[in-house]
Amino acid sequence: MGAMDDSAHISLGLARYVRAVAEEVGVPPEGTEFEVSDTATAYLGLEGPGRDLMLLWTEQRGWSIAVETDPTEKPLVIAHLGLPLVPPPDAVARFVDDVLAGKPGSPEPEFGVTHDRRRLANRLAEYL
């Protein structure tokens, strides 16, 4: 198992994990994107009242909800789900419901940028 295998596993696992979360949250497949480059990230467009909300995931910070401001600017994060980094899809859906209902999220997780790809691959393996 080289690093290449980890990336391939992460790509496939993340694709399926994001699809599972999207189903749970009610986002159509075309409303989702993910990428595994230097860092693994995912994006789901949310149908929110009035504002352009998005559900974002990164391997360092886990899930958060952000408001899309200007396409040239970074989205404004309004709530974090916190740990674990790869929670079950129904926990992500509950987080979205809570935030849309006006509840505050968790504080931004305080952890360093650890690129533990092996651990991430293992966490996503259950979705393979």
C-alpha atoms as a PDB file:
ATOM      1  CA  MET A   1       0.000   0.000   0.000  1.00  0.00           C
ATOM      2  CA  GLY A   2       1.734   3.169  -1.152  1.00  0.00           C
ATOM      3  CA  ALA A   3       0.596   6.754  -0.780  1.00  0.00           C
ATOM      4  CA  MET A   4      -1.056   6.424  -4.174  1.00  0.00           C
ATOM      5  CA  ASP A   5      -3.341   3.716  -2.834  1.00  0.00           C
ATOM      6  CA  ASP A   6      -4.344   5.922   0.076  1.00  0.00           C
ATOM      7  CA  SER A   7      -5.312   8.731  -2.293  1.00  0.00           C
ATOM      8  CA  ALA A   8      -7.294   6.367  -4.473  1.00  0.00           C
ATOM      9  CA  HIS A   9      -9.052   4.950  -1.424  1.00  0.00           C
ATOM     10  CA  ILE A  10      -9.734   8.425  -0.090  1.00  0.00           C
ATOM     11  CA  SER A  11     -11.142   9.549  -3.459  1.00  0.00           C
ATOM     12  CA  LEU A  12     -13.481   6.595  -3.700  1.00  0.00           C
ATOM     13  CA  GLY A  13     -14.414   6.629  -0.023  1.00  0.00           C
ATOM     14  CA  LEU A  14     -14.985  10.377  -0.064  1.00  0.00           C
ATOM     15  CA  ALA A  15     -17.114  10.155  -3.213  1.00  0.00           C
ATOM     16  CA  ARG A  16     -19.380   7.602  -1.542  1.00  0.00           C
ATOM     17  CA  TYR A  17     -19.364   9.356   1.820  1.00  0.00           C
ATOM     18  CA  VAL A  18     -20.310  12.681   0.190  1.00  0.00           C
ATOM     19  CA  ARG A  19     -23.073  10.907  -1.758  1.00  0.00           C
ATOM     20  CA  ALA A  20     -24.392   9.343   1.460  1.00  0.00           C
ATOM     21  CA  VAL A  21     -24.356  12.726   3.230  1.00  0.00           C
ATOM     22  CA  ALA A  22     -26.024  14.420   0.230  1.00  0.00           C
ATOM     23  CA  GLU A  23     -28.824  11.837   0.263  1.00  0.00           C
ATOM     24  CA  GLU A  24     -29.333  12.343   3.980  1.00  0.00           C
ATOM     25  CA  VAL A  25     -29.335  16.148   3.652  1.00  0.00           C
ATOM     26  CA  GLY A  26     -31.437  16.124   0.476  1.00  0.00           C
ATOM     27  CA  VAL A  27     -28.889  17.584  -1.946  1.00  0.00           C
ATOM     28  CA  PRO A  28     -29.021  16.209  -5.519  1.00  0.00           C
ATOM     29  CA  PRO A  29     -25.805  14.615  -6.835  1.00  0.00           C
ATOM     30  CA  GLU A  30     -25.215  17.555  -9.195  1.00  0.00           C
ATOM     31  CA  GLY A  31     -25.131  19.830  -6.140  1.00  0.00           C
ATOM     32  CA  THR A  32     -22.029  18.118  -4.792  1.00  0.00           C
ATOM     33  CA  GLU A  33     -18.320  18.390  -5.548  1.00  0.00           C
ATOM     34  CA  PHE A  34     -15.253  16.922  -3.961  1.00  0.00           C
ATOM     35  CA  GLU A  35     -11.552  16.982  -4.595  1.00  0.00           C
ATOM     36  CA  VAL A  36      -8.537  15.143  -3.274  1.00  0.00           C
ATOM     37  CA  SER A  37      -5.376  17.137  -3.941  1.00  0.00           C
ATOM     38  CA  ASP A  38      -2.985  18.479  -1.285  1.00  0.00           C
ATOM     39  CA  THR A  39      -6.012  18.411   0.935  1.00  0.00           C
ATOM     40  CA  ALA A  40      -9.280  16.515   0.626  1.00  0.00           C
ATOM     41  CA  THR A  41     -12.347  18.753   0.433  1.00  0.00           C
ATOM     42  CA  ALA A  42     -16.035  18.456  -0.382  1.00  0.00           C
ATOM     43  CA  TYR A  43     -18.833  20.906  -1.126  1.00  0.00           C
ATOM     44  CA  LEU A  44     -22.607  20.502  -1.085  1.00  0.00           C
ATOM     45  CA  GLY A  45     -24.934  23.314  -2.147  1.00  0.00           C
ATOM     46  CA  LEU A  46     -27.792  23.769   0.321  1.00  0.00           C
ATOM     47  CA  GLU A  47     -31.262  25.003  -0.496  1.00  0.00           C
ATOM     48  CA  GLY A  48     -31.517  27.571   2.238  1.00  0.00           C
ATOM     49  CA  PRO A  49     -33.974  30.370   2.783  1.00  0.00           C
ATOM     50  CA  GLY A  50     -32.726  33.410   0.905  1.00  0.00           C
ATOM     51  CA  ARG A  51     -28.988  32.963   1.237  1.00  0.00           C
ATOM     52  CA  ASP A  52     -26.628  30.785  -0.731  1.00  0.00           C
ATOM     53  CA  LEU A  53     -25.572  28.301   1.883  1.00  0.00           C
ATOM     54  CA  MET A  54     -23.074  25.538   1.373  1.00  0.00           C
ATOM     55  CA  LEU A  55     -21.982  22.579   3.383  1.00  0.00           C
ATOM     56  CA  LEU A  56     -18.197  22.279   3.290  1.00  0.00           C
ATOM     57  CA  TRP A  57     -15.907  19.474   4.421  1.00  0.00           C
ATOM     58  CA  THR A  58     -12.128  19.458   4.753  1.00  0.00           C
ATOM     59  CA  GLU A  59      -9.854  16.780   6.104  1.00  0.00           C
ATOM     60  CA  GLN A  60      -8.495  19.248   8.692  1.00  0.00           C
ATOM     61  CA  ARG A  61     -11.740  20.785   9.940  1.00  0.00           C
ATOM     62  CA  GLY A  62     -14.523  18.351   9.146  1.00  0.00           C
ATOM     63  CA  TRP A  63     -17.944  19.801   8.256  1.00  0.00           C
ATOM     64  CA  SER A  64     -19.009  23.428   8.342  1.00  0.00           C
ATOM     65  CA  ILE A  65     -21.764  25.558   6.863  1.00  0.00           C
ATOM     66  CA  ALA A  66     -20.798  28.694   4.989  1.00  0.00           C
ATOM     67  CA  VAL A  67     -22.529  31.525   3.174  1.00  0.00           C
ATOM     68  CA  GLU A  68     -21.414  32.097  -0.374  1.00  0.00           C
ATOM     69  CA  THR A  69     -20.642  35.789  -0.632  1.00  0.00           C
ATOM     70  CA  ASP A  70     -18.852  36.925  -3.754  1.00  0.00           C
ATOM     71  CA  PRO A  71     -17.474  34.173  -6.052  1.00  0.00           C
ATOM     72  CA  THR A  72     -14.034  35.763  -5.769  1.00  0.00           C
ATOM     73  CA  GLU A  73     -14.058  35.705  -1.963  1.00  0.00           C
ATOM     74  CA  LYS A  74     -13.752  32.859   0.472  1.00  0.00           C
ATOM     75  CA  PRO A  75     -17.111  31.669   1.782  1.00  0.00           C
ATOM     76  CA  LEU A  76     -18.063  32.972   5.205  1.00  0.00           C
ATOM     77  CA  VAL A  77     -18.269  30.071   7.660  1.00  0.00           C
ATOM     78  CA  ILE A  78     -21.201  30.440  10.032  1.00  0.00           C
ATOM     79  CA  ALA A  79     -21.129  27.111  11.890  1.00  0.00           C
ATOM     80  CA  HIS A  80     -18.841  24.133  12.488  1.00  0.00           C
ATOM     81  CA  LEU A  81     -19.975  20.629  13.274  1.00  0.00           C
ATOM     82  CA  GLY A  82     -16.755  19.864  15.165  1.00  0.00           C
ATOM     83  CA  LEU A  83     -15.376  16.390  15.750  1.00  0.00           C
ATOM     84  CA  PRO A  84     -15.376  13.652  14.576  1.00  0.00           C
ATOM     85  CA  LEU A  85     -14.036  14.568  11.150  1.00  0.00           C
ATOM     86  CA  VAL A  86     -16.074  11.874   9.404  1.00  0.00           C
ATOM     87  CA  PRO A  87     -19.351  11.705  11.335  1.00  0.00           C
ATOM     88  CA  PRO A  88     -22.240   9.516  10.159  1.00  0.00           C
ATOM     89  CA  PRO A  89     -24.350  11.138   7.414  1.00  0.00           C
ATOM     90  CA  ASP A  90     -27.388  11.442   9.694  1.00  0.00           C
ATOM     91  CA  ALA A  91     -25.315  13.482  12.179  1.00  0.00           C
ATOM     92  CA  VAL A  92     -24.380  15.858   9.350  1.00  0.00           C
ATOM     93  CA  ALA A  93     -28.051  16.161   8.340  1.00  0.00           C
ATOM     94  CA  ARG A  94     -29.004  16.966  11.961  1.00  0.00           C
ATOM     95  CA  PHE A  95     -26.280  19.624  12.054  1.00  0.00           C
ATOM     96  CA  VAL A  96     -27.695  21.222   8.883  1.00  0.00           C
ATOM     97  CA  ASP A  97     -31.245  21.188  10.302  1.00  0.00           C
ATOM     98  CA  ASP A  98     -30.038  22.703  13.579  1.00  0.00           C
ATOM     99  CA  VAL A  99     -28.101  25.494  11.888  1.00  0.00           C
ATOM    100  CA  LEU A 100     -30.981  26.287   9.524  1.00  0.00           C
ATOM    101  CA  ALA A 101     -33.208  26.425  12.607  1.00  0.00           C
ATOM    102  CA  GLY A 102     -30.889  29.071  14.053  1.00  0.00           C
ATOM    103  CA  LYS A 103     -28.901  26.996  16.552  1.00  0.00           C
ATOM    104  CA  PRO A 104     -25.210  27.824  16.853  1.00  0.00           C
ATOM    105  CA  GLY A 105     -22.684  25.234  15.727  1.00  0.00           C
ATOM    106  CA  SER A 106     -19.660  24.000  17.641  1.00  0.00           C
ATOM    107  CA  PRO A 107     -16.499  26.089  17.858  1.00  0.00           C
ATOM    108  CA  GLU A 108     -14.027  25.550  15.048  1.00  0.00           C
ATOM    109  CA  PRO A 109     -12.070  22.386  15.845  1.00  0.00           C
ATOM    110  CA  GLU A 110      -8.652  23.221  17.238  1.00  0.00           C
ATOM    111  CA  PHE A 111      -6.242  20.857  15.674  1.00  0.00           C
ATOM    112  CA  GLY A 112      -3.169  21.254  13.600  1.00  0.00           C
ATOM    113  CA  VAL A 113      -3.059  20.480   9.943  1.00  0.00           C
ATOM    114  CA  THR A 114      -2.116  16.844  10.218  1.00  0.00           C
ATOM    115  CA  HIS A 115      -2.040  15.087   6.915  1.00  0.00           C
ATOM    116  CA  ASP A 116      -2.713  11.664   8.294  1.00  0.00           C
ATOM    117  CA  ARG A 117      -3.921  10.187   5.064  1.00  0.00           C
ATOM    118  CA  ARG A 118      -3.803   6.631   6.355  1.00  0.00           C
ATOM    119  CA  ARG A 119      -6.207   7.478   9.175  1.00  0.00           C
ATOM    120  CA  LEU A 120      -8.492   9.347   6.801  1.00  0.00           C
ATOM    121  CA  ALA A 121      -8.443   6.410   4.379  1.00  0.00           C
ATOM    122  CA  ASN A 122      -9.395   4.110   7.256  1.00  0.00           C
ATOM    123  CA  ARG A 123     -12.258   6.386   8.348  1.00  0.00           C
ATOM    124  CA  LEU A 124     -13.637   6.516   4.822  1.00  0.00           C
ATOM    125  CA  ALA A 125     -13.103   2.792   4.216  1.00  0.00           C
ATOM    126  CA  GLU A 126     -16.506   1.906   5.631  1.00  0.00           C
ATOM    127  CA  TYR A 127     -18.091   3.734   2.705  1.00  0.00           C
ATOM    128  CA  LEU A 128     -16.203   1.675   0.121  1.00  0.00           C
END
